[in-house]
Amino acid sequence: MSYTCMNCGSTADNSNELCNPANEEMGAVFCTTSTGQVCDEKLAAMEYTCGSCGGVSSDAEHLCNPRKIVHMQTD
């Protein structure tokens, strides 16, 4: 069974890996989901931000105006 996070749109086979899991695929967009609503350990998995409202998601299709996030590596 696949789970989807109600906060950020990440998906996982194990519900323990998500901030706020639901056992169904979400059809809604995750616009307006702030980084404060995403667990710290999942924040790095956020690959897209909404160019309109700043929401974040791991999948572009969950945002109305997706922009790829460029992650900077720190040493």
N, C-alpha and C. Protein backbone atom coordinates (compact mmCIF):
# COMPACT_ATOMS: atom_id res chain seq x y z
N MET A 1 0.85 -1.18 0.00
CA MET A 1 0.00 0.00 0.00
C MET A 1 0.89 1.24 0.00
N SER A 2 0.53 2.22 -0.76
CA SER A 2 1.27 3.47 -0.83
C SER A 2 0.59 4.52 0.04
N TYR A 3 1.41 5.33 0.71
CA TYR A 3 0.91 6.41 1.56
C TYR A 3 1.37 7.75 0.98
N THR A 4 0.57 8.77 1.18
CA THR A 4 0.89 10.12 0.73
C THR A 4 0.82 11.05 1.92
N CYS A 5 1.79 11.95 2.04
CA CYS A 5 1.80 12.91 3.12
C CYS A 5 0.79 14.02 2.84
N MET A 6 -0.08 14.27 3.79
CA MET A 6 -1.09 15.31 3.66
C MET A 6 -0.49 16.72 3.71
N ASN A 7 0.74 16.86 4.24
CA ASN A 7 1.39 18.17 4.33
C ASN A 7 2.19 18.52 3.09
N CYS A 8 3.00 17.58 2.61
CA CYS A 8 3.96 17.94 1.57
C CYS A 8 3.83 17.16 0.28
N GLY A 9 3.03 16.10 0.25
CA GLY A 9 2.83 15.35 -0.98
C GLY A 9 3.83 14.24 -1.23
N SER A 10 4.80 14.04 -0.33
CA SER A 10 5.73 12.93 -0.48
C SER A 10 4.98 11.61 -0.42
N THR A 11 5.48 10.60 -1.09
CA THR A 11 4.87 9.27 -1.04
C THR A 11 5.88 8.25 -0.51
N ALA A 12 5.36 7.20 0.13
CA ALA A 12 6.21 6.15 0.68
C ALA A 12 5.38 4.89 0.88
N ASP A 13 6.05 3.76 0.89
CA ASP A 13 5.38 2.49 1.17
C ASP A 13 5.16 2.29 2.66
N ASN A 14 5.93 2.98 3.48
CA ASN A 14 5.84 2.89 4.93
C ASN A 14 5.33 4.22 5.47
N SER A 15 4.20 4.20 6.18
CA SER A 15 3.61 5.44 6.69
C SER A 15 4.50 6.16 7.70
N ASN A 16 5.40 5.44 8.36
CA ASN A 16 6.30 6.05 9.34
C ASN A 16 7.32 6.99 8.71
N GLU A 17 7.45 6.96 7.40
CA GLU A 17 8.42 7.80 6.70
C GLU A 17 7.84 9.16 6.30
N LEU A 18 6.57 9.42 6.66
CA LEU A 18 5.91 10.65 6.23
C LEU A 18 5.51 11.53 7.40
N CYS A 19 5.41 12.85 7.14
CA CYS A 19 5.03 13.82 8.18
C CYS A 19 3.60 13.60 8.66
N ASN A 20 2.67 13.43 7.72
CA ASN A 20 1.25 13.34 8.03
C ASN A 20 0.62 12.38 7.01
N PRO A 21 0.80 11.06 7.20
CA PRO A 21 0.41 10.09 6.18
C PRO A 21 -1.09 9.88 6.02
N ALA A 22 -1.48 9.60 4.79
CA ALA A 22 -2.84 9.16 4.45
C ALA A 22 -2.67 7.96 3.54
N ASN A 23 -3.58 7.00 3.60
CA ASN A 23 -3.41 5.78 2.81
C ASN A 23 -4.11 5.88 1.45
N GLU A 24 -4.06 7.04 0.86
CA GLU A 24 -4.62 7.23 -0.47
C GLU A 24 -3.78 8.24 -1.22
N GLU A 25 -3.85 8.19 -2.52
CA GLU A 25 -3.16 9.17 -3.34
C GLU A 25 -3.90 10.49 -3.25
N MET A 26 -3.18 11.55 -3.11
CA MET A 26 -3.80 12.86 -3.01
C MET A 26 -3.93 13.48 -4.39
N GLY A 27 -5.10 14.00 -4.70
CA GLY A 27 -5.32 14.66 -5.97
C GLY A 27 -5.18 16.15 -5.87
N ALA A 28 -5.08 16.67 -4.66
CA ALA A 28 -5.03 18.11 -4.45
C ALA A 28 -3.62 18.65 -4.63
N VAL A 29 -3.54 19.92 -4.86
CA VAL A 29 -2.24 20.57 -4.92
C VAL A 29 -1.80 20.94 -3.52
N PHE A 30 -0.51 21.10 -3.34
CA PHE A 30 0.05 21.40 -2.03
C PHE A 30 0.54 22.83 -1.96
N CYS A 31 -0.03 23.71 -2.75
CA CYS A 31 0.31 25.11 -2.69
C CYS A 31 -0.03 25.62 -1.29
N THR A 32 0.72 26.56 -0.84
CA THR A 32 0.65 27.17 0.49
C THR A 32 1.17 26.26 1.60
N THR A 33 1.72 25.09 1.29
CA THR A 33 2.34 24.25 2.31
C THR A 33 3.71 24.83 2.61
N SER A 34 3.87 25.41 3.79
CA SER A 34 5.14 26.04 4.13
C SER A 34 6.15 24.99 4.58
N THR A 35 7.41 25.38 4.59
CA THR A 35 8.45 24.46 5.04
C THR A 35 8.27 24.13 6.51
N GLY A 36 7.58 24.97 7.27
CA GLY A 36 7.31 24.70 8.68
C GLY A 36 6.33 23.56 8.89
N GLN A 37 5.59 23.18 7.86
CA GLN A 37 4.63 22.08 7.96
C GLN A 37 5.25 20.74 7.56
N VAL A 38 6.51 20.75 7.16
CA VAL A 38 7.20 19.55 6.72
C VAL A 38 8.23 19.16 7.76
N CYS A 39 8.25 17.89 8.15
CA CYS A 39 9.23 17.42 9.13
C CYS A 39 10.64 17.71 8.63
N ASP A 40 11.54 18.06 9.55
CA ASP A 40 12.91 18.41 9.19
C ASP A 40 13.59 17.34 8.35
N GLU A 41 13.37 16.06 8.71
CA GLU A 41 14.04 14.99 7.97
C GLU A 41 13.49 14.82 6.56
N LYS A 42 12.32 15.35 6.27
CA LYS A 42 11.73 15.27 4.93
C LYS A 42 11.98 16.53 4.10
N LEU A 43 12.41 17.60 4.74
CA LEU A 43 12.58 18.87 4.05
C LEU A 43 13.57 18.76 2.89
N ALA A 44 14.63 17.99 3.06
CA ALA A 44 15.63 17.83 2.00
C ALA A 44 15.04 17.13 0.77
N ALA A 45 13.96 16.36 0.94
CA ALA A 45 13.34 15.64 -0.18
C ALA A 45 12.44 16.55 -1.02
N MET A 46 12.17 17.75 -0.54
CA MET A 46 11.32 18.68 -1.29
C MET A 46 12.10 19.18 -2.51
N GLU A 47 11.63 18.83 -3.68
CA GLU A 47 12.33 19.15 -4.92
C GLU A 47 11.75 20.35 -5.66
N TYR A 48 10.53 20.76 -5.28
CA TYR A 48 9.86 21.83 -6.02
C TYR A 48 9.23 22.84 -5.06
N THR A 49 9.17 24.07 -5.51
CA THR A 49 8.46 25.12 -4.80
C THR A 49 7.47 25.76 -5.77
N CYS A 50 6.40 26.28 -5.27
CA CYS A 50 5.41 26.94 -6.11
C CYS A 50 5.87 28.38 -6.36
N GLY A 51 5.99 28.76 -7.61
CA GLY A 51 6.40 30.11 -7.98
C GLY A 51 5.36 31.15 -7.61
N SER A 52 4.14 30.75 -7.33
CA SER A 52 3.08 31.69 -6.99
C SER A 52 2.98 31.95 -5.49
N CYS A 53 3.05 30.87 -4.68
CA CYS A 53 2.80 31.05 -3.24
C CYS A 53 3.94 30.58 -2.35
N GLY A 54 4.94 29.89 -2.91
CA GLY A 54 6.06 29.41 -2.10
C GLY A 54 5.84 28.07 -1.46
N GLY A 55 4.72 27.38 -1.75
CA GLY A 55 4.49 26.05 -1.22
C GLY A 55 5.58 25.09 -1.69
N VAL A 56 5.75 23.98 -1.00
CA VAL A 56 6.77 23.00 -1.37
C VAL A 56 6.16 21.63 -1.55
N SER A 57 6.81 20.80 -2.39
CA SER A 57 6.37 19.43 -2.62
C SER A 57 7.53 18.63 -3.18
N SER A 58 7.46 17.33 -3.03
CA SER A 58 8.47 16.47 -3.63
C SER A 58 8.15 16.18 -5.09
N ASP A 59 6.92 16.46 -5.52
CA ASP A 59 6.48 16.19 -6.89
C ASP A 59 5.92 17.46 -7.52
N ALA A 60 6.36 17.77 -8.73
CA ALA A 60 5.92 18.99 -9.42
C ALA A 60 4.42 19.02 -9.65
N GLU A 61 3.81 17.88 -9.90
CA GLU A 61 2.38 17.86 -10.21
C GLU A 61 1.49 18.26 -9.04
N HIS A 62 2.06 18.39 -7.84
CA HIS A 62 1.27 18.81 -6.68
C HIS A 62 1.24 20.32 -6.51
N LEU A 63 1.90 21.06 -7.40
CA LEU A 63 1.95 22.51 -7.31
C LEU A 63 1.42 23.14 -8.57
N CYS A 64 0.78 24.31 -8.43
CA CYS A 64 0.17 24.95 -9.60
C CYS A 64 1.20 25.68 -10.47
N ASN A 65 2.33 26.10 -9.89
CA ASN A 65 3.36 26.81 -10.65
C ASN A 65 4.73 26.29 -10.18
N PRO A 66 5.05 25.00 -10.47
CA PRO A 66 6.25 24.39 -9.89
C PRO A 66 7.55 24.96 -10.44
N ARG A 67 8.50 25.11 -9.54
CA ARG A 67 9.87 25.52 -9.87
C ARG A 67 10.82 24.56 -9.16
N LYS A 68 11.80 24.07 -9.88
CA LYS A 68 12.78 23.14 -9.32
C LYS A 68 13.62 23.87 -8.27
N ILE A 69 13.80 23.26 -7.11
CA ILE A 69 14.65 23.80 -6.06
C ILE A 69 16.07 23.33 -6.30
N VAL A 70 17.01 24.25 -6.26
CA VAL A 70 18.42 23.89 -6.39
C VAL A 70 18.97 23.78 -4.98
N HIS A 71 19.34 22.56 -4.58
CA HIS A 71 19.88 22.33 -3.24
C HIS A 71 21.38 22.58 -3.25
N MET A 72 21.81 23.38 -2.32
CA MET A 72 23.24 23.68 -2.18
C MET A 72 23.82 22.72 -1.16
N GLN A 73 24.97 22.15 -1.49
CA GLN A 73 25.64 21.26 -0.54
C GLN A 73 26.55 22.08 0.36
N THR A 74 26.52 21.77 1.65
CA THR A 74 27.41 22.44 2.58
C THR A 74 28.40 21.42 3.12
N ASP A 75 29.61 21.86 3.32
CA ASP A 75 30.65 20.96 3.83
C ASP A 75 30.93 21.21 5.28
